[in-house]
């Protein structure tokens, strides 16, 4: 199953276990007591891991192993199934769950550094550190969702997680650290729904609406151990018509202003077509665009076309179609509220948002988030024209008071989408 090229003393033994794992004990490559650096390459990606003197890696059917200048290189001919570091059998499952969290435009701007079987650091990429305030705020919400998935998956294997926050803009420091310990975590029952979670952009969601008891149950689950944030249900806790108006105006702004328009369409992967998925960016087939509107929708990605249509009110029509109408045709709409717009509060809101999404998924309900209306009102969002930002902020203050809206979502019942966004291999998100 393997071929060793030269330097037979570079390794001692290689055995294949009944579980399909390959266990390797390394020889003295880098000197007595030193750590062996193993470089793993799958398809186009390459990452490196310090694995000590032994490690477990689930590979494809064949691989090559050979020393080169003190570096043991493994080249997998098939995609990885699972990576196990530091003999910790559950790390791959935990980090894969984290990667399955939602992110802005289906692009995570974090990387995992596995320090030991009990500690992982999350680092921001260059895209994170150079992002605008608007993109950074979205990244903090997404980071909260990543942390929540990791915590839930860890709880499923009887591990608890302690979070050590940093969230500074210093690229020489991690955004946060995760410390794992034995013990019962929370919400382990939601772990099975992590791979099932997805965005459904069907125009209409069917009822029935959530009962008062169901809303209370969801609110209790999502706010447990996250006391700073809360869910506000439209039509029950806050005015639904005002929220839908704010969503419509914000979605229209995304088509009216050039920089927002460019950001909106930069994530759409028209190159993959309408029937295929992609690991990064948004596959067009997942956007819920009706077949007869697909050609016009693609034309809207051209700014001169959109600018011309805006003279005739095209952005207003898109605001209705992209925001107000889908929310009006859903039985339930809610807003995630935080105490303020600090990075720590946005991360906590992201955790609660993800927990709500998983809980509603477990109930068989479809789900779609709307981030623009809340983001555009954040006081430091310099990607939005100051006058529009002030109006959005004042509009939300009339609806939610002093609480900071973070994201709006709708939920109901709908047929699953034919195309769902996928994720890149975990190995692409692992640091040395």
Protein backbone atom coordinates (compact mmCIF):
# COMPACT_ATOMS: atom_id res chain seq x y z
CA UNK A 1 0.00 0.00 0.00
CA UNK A 2 2.99 2.30 0.36
CA UNK A 3 6.36 2.77 -1.28
CA UNK A 4 9.44 3.96 0.57
CA UNK A 5 11.95 5.77 -1.64
CA UNK A 6 15.51 5.57 -0.24
CA UNK A 7 16.80 5.92 3.31
CA UNK A 8 15.11 2.90 4.80
CA UNK A 9 16.19 4.01 8.27
CA UNK A 10 13.93 7.05 7.94
CA UNK A 11 11.10 5.06 9.38
CA UNK A 12 10.67 2.05 11.61
CA UNK A 13 7.34 0.57 10.86
CA UNK A 14 4.09 1.15 9.11
CA UNK A 15 0.97 -0.78 10.06
CA UNK A 16 -2.58 -0.57 8.85
CA UNK A 17 -5.27 -0.97 11.50
CA UNK A 18 -8.67 -2.49 11.03
CA UNK A 19 -10.27 0.96 11.10
CA UNK A 20 -8.49 2.04 7.96
CA UNK A 21 -6.06 4.23 9.89
CA UNK A 22 -2.38 4.18 9.08
CA UNK A 23 -0.13 4.40 12.12
CA UNK A 24 3.46 5.46 11.60
CA UNK A 25 6.33 5.54 14.08
CA UNK A 26 9.17 7.65 12.80
CA UNK A 27 12.87 7.04 12.93
CA UNK A 28 15.55 9.53 13.84
CA UNK A 29 15.14 12.00 10.99
CA UNK A 30 15.94 15.28 12.69
CA UNK A 31 18.06 14.18 15.58
CA UNK A 32 17.36 12.62 18.94
CA UNK A 33 14.38 14.06 20.75
CA UNK A 34 13.38 16.36 17.93
CA UNK A 35 9.90 16.68 16.49
CA UNK A 36 9.26 15.33 13.03
CA UNK A 37 7.54 17.71 10.64
CA UNK A 38 5.17 15.94 8.34
CA UNK A 39 3.99 17.68 5.22
CA UNK A 40 0.63 16.52 3.92
CA UNK A 41 -0.65 17.36 0.45
CA UNK A 42 -4.09 16.60 -0.94
CA UNK A 43 -4.98 17.64 -4.45
CA UNK A 44 -3.81 21.28 -4.73
CA UNK A 45 -3.50 22.18 -1.07
CA UNK A 46 -0.47 21.72 1.15
CA UNK A 47 -0.22 22.18 4.89
CA UNK A 48 2.23 21.03 7.53
CA UNK A 49 1.80 19.63 11.00
CA UNK A 50 4.15 19.01 13.89
CA UNK A 51 3.03 15.53 14.84
CA UNK A 52 5.69 14.48 17.33
CA UNK A 53 7.07 11.00 16.96
CA UNK A 54 3.80 9.31 16.08
CA UNK A 55 0.53 10.20 14.46
CA UNK A 56 -2.60 8.83 12.90
CA UNK A 57 -3.79 9.94 9.49
CA UNK A 58 -6.74 8.57 7.55
CA UNK A 59 -5.74 8.64 3.89
CA UNK A 60 -6.98 7.48 0.56
CA UNK A 61 -5.93 4.14 -0.86
CA UNK A 62 -2.29 4.86 -1.63
CA UNK A 63 0.38 7.34 -0.66
CA UNK A 64 4.09 7.85 -0.94
CA UNK A 65 6.52 8.38 1.89
CA UNK A 66 10.11 9.47 1.49
CA UNK A 67 12.62 11.70 3.28
CA UNK A 68 13.89 14.88 1.65
CA UNK A 69 16.24 17.16 3.60
CA UNK A 70 14.80 16.00 6.89
CA UNK A 71 11.23 16.45 5.69
CA UNK A 72 8.95 13.42 5.43
CA UNK A 73 6.58 13.98 2.53
CA UNK A 74 3.31 12.20 2.09
CA UNK A 75 1.36 12.68 -1.08
CA UNK A 76 -2.17 11.35 -1.00
CA UNK A 77 -3.53 10.14 -4.32
CA UNK A 78 -7.10 10.34 -3.06
CA UNK A 79 -8.81 13.01 -0.96
CA UNK A 80 -8.41 12.87 2.81
CA UNK A 81 -11.19 11.29 4.82
CA UNK A 82 -9.97 12.36 8.21
CA UNK A 83 -6.89 13.87 9.83
CA UNK A 84 -5.90 12.92 13.32
CA UNK A 85 -3.31 14.99 15.12
CA UNK A 86 -1.43 14.27 18.33
CA UNK A 87 -3.29 10.95 18.68
CA UNK A 88 -6.53 12.88 19.41
CA UNK A 89 -9.16 10.84 17.60
CA UNK A 90 -11.88 13.49 17.72
CA UNK A 91 -10.05 16.63 16.57
CA UNK A 92 -10.94 16.23 12.91
CA UNK A 93 -14.63 15.86 13.69
CA UNK A 94 -14.59 18.90 15.96
CA UNK A 95 -12.77 21.18 13.52
CA UNK A 96 -14.83 19.96 10.56
CA UNK A 97 -17.92 20.97 12.50
CA UNK A 98 -16.41 24.41 13.01
CA UNK A 99 -15.71 24.76 9.31
CA UNK A 100 -19.35 23.85 8.56
CA UNK A 101 -20.52 27.07 10.23
CA UNK A 102 -21.96 29.82 8.02
CA UNK A 103 -19.63 32.54 6.78
CA UNK A 104 -19.92 35.70 4.74
CA UNK A 105 -20.12 34.66 1.09
CA UNK A 106 -19.11 31.10 2.03
CA UNK A 107 -15.49 32.09 2.70
CA UNK A 108 -14.00 31.57 6.14
CA UNK A 109 -11.26 34.06 7.03
CA UNK A 110 -9.82 31.98 9.86
CA UNK A 111 -7.30 29.18 10.19
CA UNK A 112 -6.93 26.53 12.90
CA UNK A 113 -3.68 25.91 14.73
CA UNK A 114 -3.72 22.62 16.63
CA UNK A 115 -1.38 23.13 19.57
CA UNK A 116 -2.20 19.90 21.40
CA UNK A 117 -5.05 17.47 21.85
CA UNK A 118 -6.53 19.95 24.34
CA UNK A 119 -5.85 23.30 22.75
CA UNK A 120 -6.59 24.96 19.41
CA UNK A 121 -5.96 28.55 18.36
CA UNK A 122 -7.97 30.36 15.69
CA UNK A 123 -6.05 32.88 13.58
CA UNK A 124 -7.32 35.52 11.20
CA UNK A 125 -6.14 35.40 7.61
CA UNK A 126 -4.80 38.40 5.73
CA UNK A 127 -8.32 38.90 4.33
CA UNK A 128 -9.61 39.22 7.88
CA UNK A 129 -6.98 41.74 8.95
CA UNK A 130 -7.37 43.93 5.86
CA UNK A 131 -11.18 43.79 5.75
CA UNK A 132 -13.47 46.78 6.06
CA UNK A 133 -15.44 47.26 9.26
CA UNK A 134 -18.50 45.75 7.59
CA UNK A 135 -16.64 42.61 6.54
CA UNK A 136 -14.91 42.36 9.92
CA UNK A 137 -18.24 42.58 11.73
CA UNK A 138 -19.58 39.75 9.59
CA UNK A 139 -16.41 37.77 10.32
CA UNK A 140 -17.00 38.15 14.08
CA UNK A 141 -20.56 36.85 13.73
CA UNK A 142 -19.26 33.96 11.64
CA UNK A 143 -16.51 33.29 14.18
CA UNK A 144 -19.18 32.98 16.84
CA UNK A 145 -20.95 30.39 14.70
CA UNK A 146 -17.67 28.49 14.28
CA UNK A 147 -17.12 28.47 18.04
CA UNK A 148 -20.68 27.32 18.65
CA UNK A 149 -20.35 24.39 16.24
CA UNK A 150 -17.06 23.39 17.84
CA UNK A 151 -18.59 23.58 21.32
CA UNK A 152 -21.62 21.52 20.30
CA UNK A 153 -19.53 18.87 18.55
CA UNK A 154 -17.17 18.69 21.53
CA UNK A 155 -20.15 18.25 23.85
CA UNK A 156 -21.27 15.29 21.73
CA UNK A 157 -18.07 13.47 22.70
CA UNK A 158 -18.18 14.55 26.35
CA UNK A 159 -15.82 17.50 26.09
CA UNK A 160 -16.34 21.01 27.35
CA UNK A 161 -14.70 24.08 25.82
CA UNK A 162 -13.25 27.15 27.49
CA UNK A 163 -12.91 30.17 25.19
CA UNK A 164 -10.04 32.62 25.55
CA UNK A 165 -10.88 35.76 23.55
CA UNK A 166 -8.48 38.18 21.94
CA UNK A 167 -10.20 39.54 18.79
CA UNK A 168 -7.59 42.23 18.28
CA UNK A 169 -6.41 43.37 14.87
CA UNK A 170 -2.84 42.27 15.62
CA UNK A 171 -1.95 39.59 13.02
CA UNK A 172 0.81 38.27 15.30
CA UNK A 173 -1.77 37.05 17.82
CA UNK A 174 -4.61 34.54 17.45
CA UNK A 175 -8.20 35.75 17.50
CA UNK A 176 -9.07 33.30 20.23
CA UNK A 177 -7.99 30.10 21.90
CA UNK A 178 -10.08 27.03 22.67
CA UNK A 179 -9.19 24.83 25.63
CA UNK A 180 -10.81 21.38 25.73
CA UNK A 181 -11.36 19.37 28.90
CA UNK A 182 -13.28 16.26 29.84
CA UNK A 183 -16.78 16.92 31.03
CA UNK A 184 -20.31 17.37 29.78
CA UNK A 185 -20.85 20.26 27.41
CA UNK A 186 -24.11 21.84 26.33
CA UNK A 187 -26.53 21.22 23.44
CA UNK A 188 -24.92 17.96 22.30
CA UNK A 189 -28.26 17.00 20.75
CA UNK A 190 -27.74 19.64 18.06
CA UNK A 191 -24.50 18.08 16.78
CA UNK A 192 -26.31 15.77 14.38
CA UNK A 193 -27.83 18.78 12.62
CA UNK A 194 -24.57 20.59 11.90
CA UNK A 195 -24.06 18.94 8.46
CA UNK A 196 -27.76 19.39 7.65
CA UNK A 197 -27.81 23.16 8.19
CA UNK A 198 -28.10 25.21 5.01
CA UNK A 199 -29.62 28.41 3.65
CA UNK A 200 -32.92 28.05 1.84
CA UNK A 201 -33.67 30.99 -0.48
CA UNK A 202 -37.00 29.77 -1.83
CA UNK A 203 -39.27 32.74 -2.37
CA UNK A 204 -42.07 31.49 -0.10
CA UNK A 205 -41.95 29.48 3.13
CA UNK A 206 -45.05 27.57 4.19
CA UNK A 207 -46.63 27.60 7.65
CA UNK A 208 -47.76 26.94 10.19
CA UNK A 209 -46.06 29.59 12.26
CA UNK A 210 -44.34 28.69 15.47
CA UNK A 211 -46.56 28.35 18.50
CA UNK A 212 -45.94 30.43 21.61
CA UNK A 213 -44.59 27.31 23.32
CA UNK A 214 -42.18 26.60 20.45
CA UNK A 215 -40.92 30.19 20.42
CA UNK A 216 -40.36 30.05 24.16
CA UNK A 217 -38.48 26.75 23.83
CA UNK A 218 -36.25 28.09 21.06
CA UNK A 219 -35.52 31.29 22.97
CA UNK A 220 -34.64 29.31 26.10
CA UNK A 221 -32.24 27.04 24.17
CA UNK A 222 -30.47 29.79 22.28
CA UNK A 223 -30.01 32.15 25.23
CA UNK A 224 -28.82 29.50 27.70
CA UNK A 225 -25.30 30.51 28.87
CA UNK A 226 -25.42 33.49 26.45
CA UNK A 227 -27.16 36.06 28.66
CA UNK A 228 -26.00 39.12 26.73
CA UNK A 229 -28.04 38.40 23.58
CA UNK A 230 -31.67 37.61 22.87
CA UNK A 231 -34.11 36.77 20.10
CA UNK A 232 -36.88 39.20 19.22
CA UNK A 233 -39.78 37.65 17.30
CA UNK A 234 -41.46 39.92 14.78
CA UNK A 235 -45.16 40.39 15.43
CA UNK A 236 -44.71 39.28 19.04
CA UNK A 237 -41.81 41.20 20.57
CA UNK A 238 -41.25 43.86 17.90
CA UNK A 239 -43.15 45.40 14.99
CA UNK A 240 -42.95 43.12 11.94
CA UNK A 241 -43.84 45.72 9.31
CA UNK A 242 -41.04 48.03 10.45
CA UNK A 243 -38.49 45.21 10.32
CA UNK A 244 -39.57 44.23 6.81
CA UNK A 245 -39.26 47.87 5.71
CA UNK A 246 -35.70 48.04 7.08
CA UNK A 247 -34.83 44.79 5.30
CA UNK A 248 -36.26 46.09 2.01
CA UNK A 249 -34.41 49.40 2.17
CA UNK A 250 -31.10 47.72 3.01
CA UNK A 251 -31.40 45.15 0.22
CA UNK A 252 -32.23 47.95 -2.23
CA UNK A 253 -29.09 49.78 -1.12
CA UNK A 254 -26.99 46.78 -2.07
CA UNK A 255 -28.11 47.27 -5.67
CA UNK A 256 -28.10 51.09 -5.65
CA UNK A 257 -24.54 51.81 -4.45
CA UNK A 258 -21.59 50.66 -6.52
CA UNK A 259 -19.33 49.36 -3.74
CA UNK A 260 -22.18 47.38 -2.16
CA UNK A 261 -23.18 46.04 -5.58
CA UNK A 262 -19.59 44.93 -6.24
CA UNK A 263 -19.40 43.17 -2.87
CA UNK A 264 -22.76 41.49 -3.45
CA UNK A 265 -21.85 39.96 -6.80
CA UNK A 266 -18.17 39.29 -6.07
CA UNK A 267 -19.19 36.20 -4.14
CA UNK A 268 -21.46 34.70 -6.83
CA UNK A 269 -19.67 31.96 -8.76
CA UNK A 270 -21.31 32.19 -12.16
CA UNK A 271 -18.41 30.14 -13.52
CA UNK A 272 -19.75 26.92 -11.94
CA UNK A 273 -23.13 27.20 -13.62
CA UNK A 274 -26.59 26.75 -12.11
CA UNK A 275 -26.44 23.03 -11.33
CA UNK A 276 -23.11 22.60 -9.55
CA UNK A 277 -21.82 23.59 -6.13
CA UNK A 278 -18.50 25.13 -5.11
CA UNK A 279 -16.30 25.02 -2.02
CA UNK A 280 -15.93 28.81 -1.75
CA UNK A 281 -18.25 31.56 -2.87
CA UNK A 282 -21.93 31.15 -3.63
CA UNK A 283 -23.07 28.75 -6.37
CA UNK A 284 -25.80 30.46 -8.41
CA UNK A 285 -28.04 27.41 -8.09
CA UNK A 286 -28.25 28.01 -4.32
CA UNK A 287 -29.59 31.56 -4.68
CA UNK A 288 -33.22 30.65 -5.28
CA UNK A 289 -33.43 32.54 -8.59
CA UNK A 290 -36.32 31.35 -10.73
CA UNK A 291 -35.15 29.72 -14.00
CA UNK A 292 -36.75 32.38 -16.22
CA UNK A 293 -34.93 35.14 -14.26
CA UNK A 294 -31.45 33.63 -14.31
CA UNK A 295 -30.24 35.41 -17.43
CA UNK A 296 -31.53 38.83 -16.28
CA UNK A 297 -30.04 38.21 -12.82
CA UNK A 298 -26.62 37.60 -14.30
CA UNK A 299 -26.96 40.79 -16.33
CA UNK A 300 -27.54 42.68 -13.07
CA UNK A 301 -24.00 41.78 -11.99
CA UNK A 302 -22.79 44.26 -14.61
CA UNK A 303 -22.67 47.63 -12.86
CA UNK A 304 -23.47 49.79 -15.95
CA UNK A 305 -26.60 47.69 -16.46
CA UNK A 306 -27.61 47.98 -12.81
CA UNK A 307 -26.86 51.71 -12.72
CA UNK A 308 -29.10 52.28 -15.75
CA UNK A 309 -31.94 50.25 -14.25
CA UNK A 310 -31.59 52.18 -11.01
CA UNK A 311 -32.63 55.33 -12.86
CA UNK A 312 -35.98 53.56 -13.36
CA UNK A 313 -36.20 52.32 -9.76
CA UNK A 314 -34.58 48.93 -10.38
CA UNK A 315 -32.90 48.91 -6.96
CA UNK A 316 -36.26 49.43 -5.24
CA UNK A 317 -37.75 46.45 -7.07
CA UNK A 318 -34.75 44.32 -6.10
CA UNK A 319 -35.15 45.39 -2.48
CA UNK A 320 -38.70 44.06 -2.53
CA UNK A 321 -37.76 40.79 -4.26
CA UNK A 322 -34.57 40.10 -2.31
CA UNK A 323 -35.76 41.11 1.16
CA UNK A 324 -39.27 42.30 1.88
CA UNK A 325 -41.22 39.75 -0.16
CA UNK A 326 -39.40 36.63 1.13
CA UNK A 327 -39.89 37.82 4.72
CA UNK A 328 -43.55 38.66 4.06
CA UNK A 329 -44.05 35.15 2.65
CA UNK A 330 -42.56 33.43 5.71
CA UNK A 331 -44.59 32.47 8.79
CA UNK A 332 -41.91 33.61 11.23
CA UNK A 333 -39.26 36.35 11.22
CA UNK A 334 -36.87 37.12 14.09
CA UNK A 335 -33.98 39.42 14.92
CA UNK A 336 -30.83 38.52 16.85
CA UNK A 337 -30.10 41.33 19.31
CA UNK A 338 -26.85 42.08 21.13
CA UNK A 339 -26.10 44.60 23.88
CA UNK A 340 -23.68 46.53 21.64
CA UNK A 341 -21.58 46.17 18.48
CA UNK A 342 -18.27 45.25 20.13
CA UNK A 343 -16.39 42.26 18.65
CA UNK A 344 -17.14 40.17 21.75
CA UNK A 345 -20.88 40.93 21.53
CA UNK A 346 -20.97 40.16 17.80
CA UNK A 347 -19.23 36.84 18.48
CA UNK A 348 -21.77 35.97 21.18
CA UNK A 349 -24.58 36.94 18.82
CA UNK A 350 -23.05 34.64 16.20
CA UNK A 351 -23.11 31.76 18.68
CA UNK A 352 -26.77 32.37 19.47
CA UNK A 353 -27.64 32.80 15.80
CA UNK A 354 -26.03 29.46 14.92
CA UNK A 355 -27.72 27.71 17.81
CA UNK A 356 -31.09 29.03 16.66
CA UNK A 357 -30.37 27.86 13.11
CA UNK A 358 -29.50 24.35 14.29
CA UNK A 359 -32.51 24.18 16.60
CA UNK A 360 -34.88 25.21 13.79
CA UNK A 361 -33.17 22.77 11.42
CA UNK A 362 -33.82 19.99 13.94
CA UNK A 363 -37.50 20.96 13.77
CA UNK A 364 -37.50 20.45 10.00
CA UNK A 365 -37.78 24.16 9.26
CA UNK A 366 -36.14 26.11 6.44
CA UNK A 367 -34.01 29.13 7.32
CA UNK A 368 -32.63 32.21 5.58
CA UNK A 369 -30.57 35.02 7.17
CA UNK A 370 -30.54 38.69 6.14
CA UNK A 371 -27.49 40.55 7.41
CA UNK A 372 -27.49 43.84 5.49
CA UNK A 373 -30.25 45.72 7.32
CA UNK A 374 -28.57 45.31 10.72
CA UNK A 375 -25.00 45.76 9.49
CA UNK A 376 -25.78 48.98 7.63
CA UNK A 377 -26.87 50.62 10.89
CA UNK A 378 -23.73 49.85 12.86
CA UNK A 379 -22.17 53.14 13.90
CA UNK A 380 -18.65 52.44 12.60
CA UNK A 381 -19.66 50.95 9.25
CA UNK A 382 -17.78 53.21 6.86
CA UNK A 383 -18.77 51.07 3.85
CA UNK A 384 -22.21 52.70 3.99
CA UNK A 385 -22.99 56.31 3.16
CA UNK A 386 -23.22 58.29 6.45
CA UNK A 387 -26.73 59.58 5.78
CA UNK A 388 -28.06 56.10 5.01
CA UNK A 389 -26.27 54.66 8.06
CA UNK A 390 -27.89 57.26 10.32
CA UNK A 391 -31.36 56.51 8.91
CA UNK A 392 -30.87 52.77 9.35
CA UNK A 393 -29.65 53.25 12.89
CA UNK A 394 -32.57 55.50 13.80
CA UNK A 395 -34.99 53.06 12.19
CA UNK A 396 -33.69 50.17 14.25
CA UNK A 397 -33.69 52.23 17.43
CA UNK A 398 -37.41 52.81 17.02
CA UNK A 399 -37.91 49.04 16.71
CA UNK A 400 -35.44 47.53 19.19
CA UNK A 401 -34.62 50.40 21.54
CA UNK A 402 -31.04 50.44 22.78
CA UNK A 403 -30.33 46.82 21.77
CA UNK A 404 -28.11 46.35 18.72
CA UNK A 405 -29.62 44.29 15.88
CA UNK A 406 -27.07 41.85 14.44
CA UNK A 407 -28.98 39.76 11.91
CA UNK A 408 -32.54 39.10 10.73
CA UNK A 409 -33.77 35.66 9.73
CA UNK A 410 -36.94 34.06 8.44
CA UNK A 411 -38.07 30.48 8.99
CA UNK A 412 -40.85 28.19 7.86
CA UNK A 413 -41.22 25.11 5.70
CA UNK A 414 -39.94 24.74 2.14
CA UNK A 415 -38.55 22.18 -0.27
CA UNK A 416 -34.78 21.78 0.16
CA UNK A 417 -32.68 23.55 -2.49
CA UNK A 418 -31.27 21.46 -5.33
CA UNK A 419 -27.83 23.07 -4.88
CA UNK A 420 -26.10 23.81 -1.59
CA UNK A 421 -22.78 25.56 -1.02
CA UNK A 422 -20.04 23.15 0.01
CA UNK A 423 -16.83 23.62 1.99
CA UNK A 424 -13.13 23.24 1.12
CA UNK A 425 -11.18 20.39 2.75
CA UNK A 426 -10.34 20.91 6.40
CA UNK A 427 -6.66 20.64 5.57
CA UNK A 428 -6.89 23.94 3.68
CA UNK A 429 -7.71 25.66 6.98
CA UNK A 430 -4.96 24.13 9.13
CA UNK A 431 -1.82 26.11 9.96
CA UNK A 432 1.62 24.65 10.56
